C-alpha atoms as a PDB file:
ATOM      1  CA  MET A   1      42.200 -11.966  48.888  1.00  0.00           C
ATOM      2  CA  ALA A   2      39.865  -9.245  47.810  1.00  0.00           C
ATOM      3  CA  GLU A   3      41.776  -9.115  44.517  1.00  0.00           C
ATOM      4  CA  ARG A   4      41.283 -12.791  44.033  1.00  0.00           C
ATOM      5  CA  THR A   5      37.671 -12.656  44.643  1.00  0.00           C
ATOM      6  CA  VAL A   6      37.148  -9.719  42.250  1.00  0.00           C
ATOM      7  CA  THR A   7      39.173 -11.606  39.574  1.00  0.00           C
ATOM      8  CA  GLU A   8      37.107 -14.663  39.976  1.00  0.00           C
ATOM      9  CA  ILE A   9      33.913 -12.580  39.689  1.00  0.00           C
ATOM     10  CA  LEU A  10      35.154 -10.862  36.626  1.00  0.00           C
ATOM     11  CA  GLU A  11      36.044 -14.304  35.020  1.00  0.00           C
ATOM     12  CA  ALA A  12      32.626 -15.679  35.916  1.00  0.00           C
ATOM     13  CA  LEU A  13      31.013 -12.610  34.399  1.00  0.00           C
ATOM     14  CA  ALA A  14      32.884 -13.094  31.185  1.00  0.00           C
ATOM     15  CA  ARG A  15      31.654 -16.665  31.034  1.00  0.00           C
ATOM     16  CA  ILE A  16      28.144 -15.434  31.705  1.00  0.00           C
ATOM     17  CA  GLU A  17      28.457 -12.872  28.951  1.00  0.00           C
ATOM     18  CA  THR A  18      29.638 -15.496  26.594  1.00  0.00           C
ATOM     19  CA  ASP A  19      26.687 -17.797  27.475  1.00  0.00           C
ATOM     20  CA  VAL A  20      24.163 -15.092  27.082  1.00  0.00           C
ATOM     21  CA  LYS A  21      25.495 -14.266  23.518  1.00  0.00           C
ATOM     22  CA  THR A  22      25.345 -17.941  22.739  1.00  0.00           C
ATOM     23  CA  ILE A  23      21.780 -18.226  23.918  1.00  0.00           C
ATOM     24  CA  ALA A  24      20.674 -15.064  22.046  1.00  0.00           C
ATOM     25  CA  LYS A  25      22.191 -16.375  18.818  1.00  0.00           C
ATOM     26  CA  ASN A  26      20.580 -19.817  19.172  1.00  0.00           C
ATOM     27  CA  GLY A  27      17.172 -18.189  20.046  1.00  0.00           C
ATOM     28  CA  ALA A  28      17.252 -16.114  16.802  1.00  0.00           C
ATOM     29  CA  ASP A  29      17.943 -19.327  14.914  1.00  0.00           C
ATOM     30  CA  HIS A  30      14.972 -21.066  16.624  1.00  0.00           C
ATOM     31  CA  GLU A  31      12.762 -18.132  15.933  1.00  0.00           C
ATOM     32  CA  THR A  32      13.619 -18.256  12.237  1.00  0.00           C
ATOM     33  CA  ARG A  33      13.004 -22.021  12.223  1.00  0.00           C
ATOM     34  CA  LEU A  34       9.589 -21.691  13.943  1.00  0.00           C
ATOM     35  CA  ARG A  35       8.480 -19.002  11.536  1.00  0.00           C
ATOM     36  CA  ALA A  36       9.238 -21.296   8.619  1.00  0.00           C
ATOM     37  CA  LEU A  37       7.378 -24.213  10.149  1.00  0.00           C
ATOM     38  CA  GLU A  38       4.430 -22.004  10.773  1.00  0.00           C
ATOM     39  CA  GLN A  39       4.298 -20.777   7.180  1.00  0.00           C
ATOM     40  CA  LYS A  40       4.683 -24.301   5.810  1.00  0.00           C
ATOM     41  CA  SER A  41       1.054 -25.422   6.560  1.00  0.00           C
ATOM     42  CA  GLY A  42      -0.330 -22.174   5.063  1.00  0.00           C
ATOM     43  CA  LYS A  43       1.601 -22.930   1.918  1.00  0.00           C
ATOM     44  CA  ARG A  44       0.304 -26.484   1.804  1.00  0.00           C
ATOM     45  CA  PHE A  45      -3.257 -25.085   2.182  1.00  0.00           C
ATOM     46  CA  GLU A  46      -2.629 -22.500  -0.587  1.00  0.00           C
ATOM     47  CA  SER A  47      -1.231 -25.245  -2.956  1.00  0.00           C
ATOM     48  CA  LEU A  48      -4.343 -27.527  -2.117  1.00  0.00           C
ATOM     49  CA  THR A  49      -6.739 -24.690  -2.754  1.00  0.00           C
ATOM     50  CA  LEU A  50      -4.981 -23.765  -6.155  1.00  0.00           C
ATOM     51  CA  ALA A  51      -5.176 -27.539  -7.210  1.00  0.00           C
ATOM     52  CA  ALA A  52      -8.922 -27.689  -6.346  1.00  0.00           C
ATOM     53  CA  VAL A  53      -9.712 -24.407  -8.224  1.00  0.00           C
ATOM     54  CA  THR A  54      -7.660 -25.490 -11.208  1.00  0.00           C
ATOM     55  CA  ALA A  55      -9.358 -28.800 -11.324  1.00  0.00           C
ATOM     56  CA  ALA A  56     -12.721 -27.131 -11.119  1.00  0.00           C
ATOM     57  CA  ILE A  57     -11.864 -24.794 -13.889  1.00  0.00           C
ATOM     58  CA  VAL A  58     -10.554 -27.482 -16.185  1.00  0.00           C
ATOM     59  CA  GLY A  59     -13.709 -29.518 -15.436  1.00  0.00           C
ATOM     60  CA  VAL A  60     -15.955 -26.644 -16.232  1.00  0.00           C
ATOM     61  CA  VAL A  61     -14.117 -25.883 -19.337  1.00  0.00           C
ATOM     62  CA  GLY A  62     -14.052 -29.518 -20.423  1.00  0.00           C
ATOM     63  CA  TYR A  63     -17.691 -29.823 -19.901  1.00  0.00           C
ATOM     64  CA  LEU A  64     -18.511 -26.669 -22.063  1.00  0.00           C
ATOM     65  CA  ILE A  65     -16.217 -28.028 -24.839  1.00  0.00           C
ATOM     66  CA  GLY A  66     -17.937 -31.417 -24.672  1.00  0.00           C
ATOM     67  CA  LYS A  67     -21.370 -29.565 -25.074  1.00  0.00           C
ATOM     68  CA  LEU A  68     -20.059 -27.579 -28.075  1.00  0.00           C
ATOM     69  CA  PHE A  69     -18.854 -30.630 -30.036  1.00  0.00           C
END
């Protein structure tokens, strides 16, 4: 009976080890996806800022060219 209990414990331990590996793998994937989402809003803000600065520069250059001619 003791051998059977030890065998059952070892089998359960093997299943737990597999589950822990799966959880760790999925956790790393979730971490990567979260980082991508966190950076997305920053990239959007940078794009918006670049567009605003570009529009302002084009406006100023257009105004100056208009004053010259």
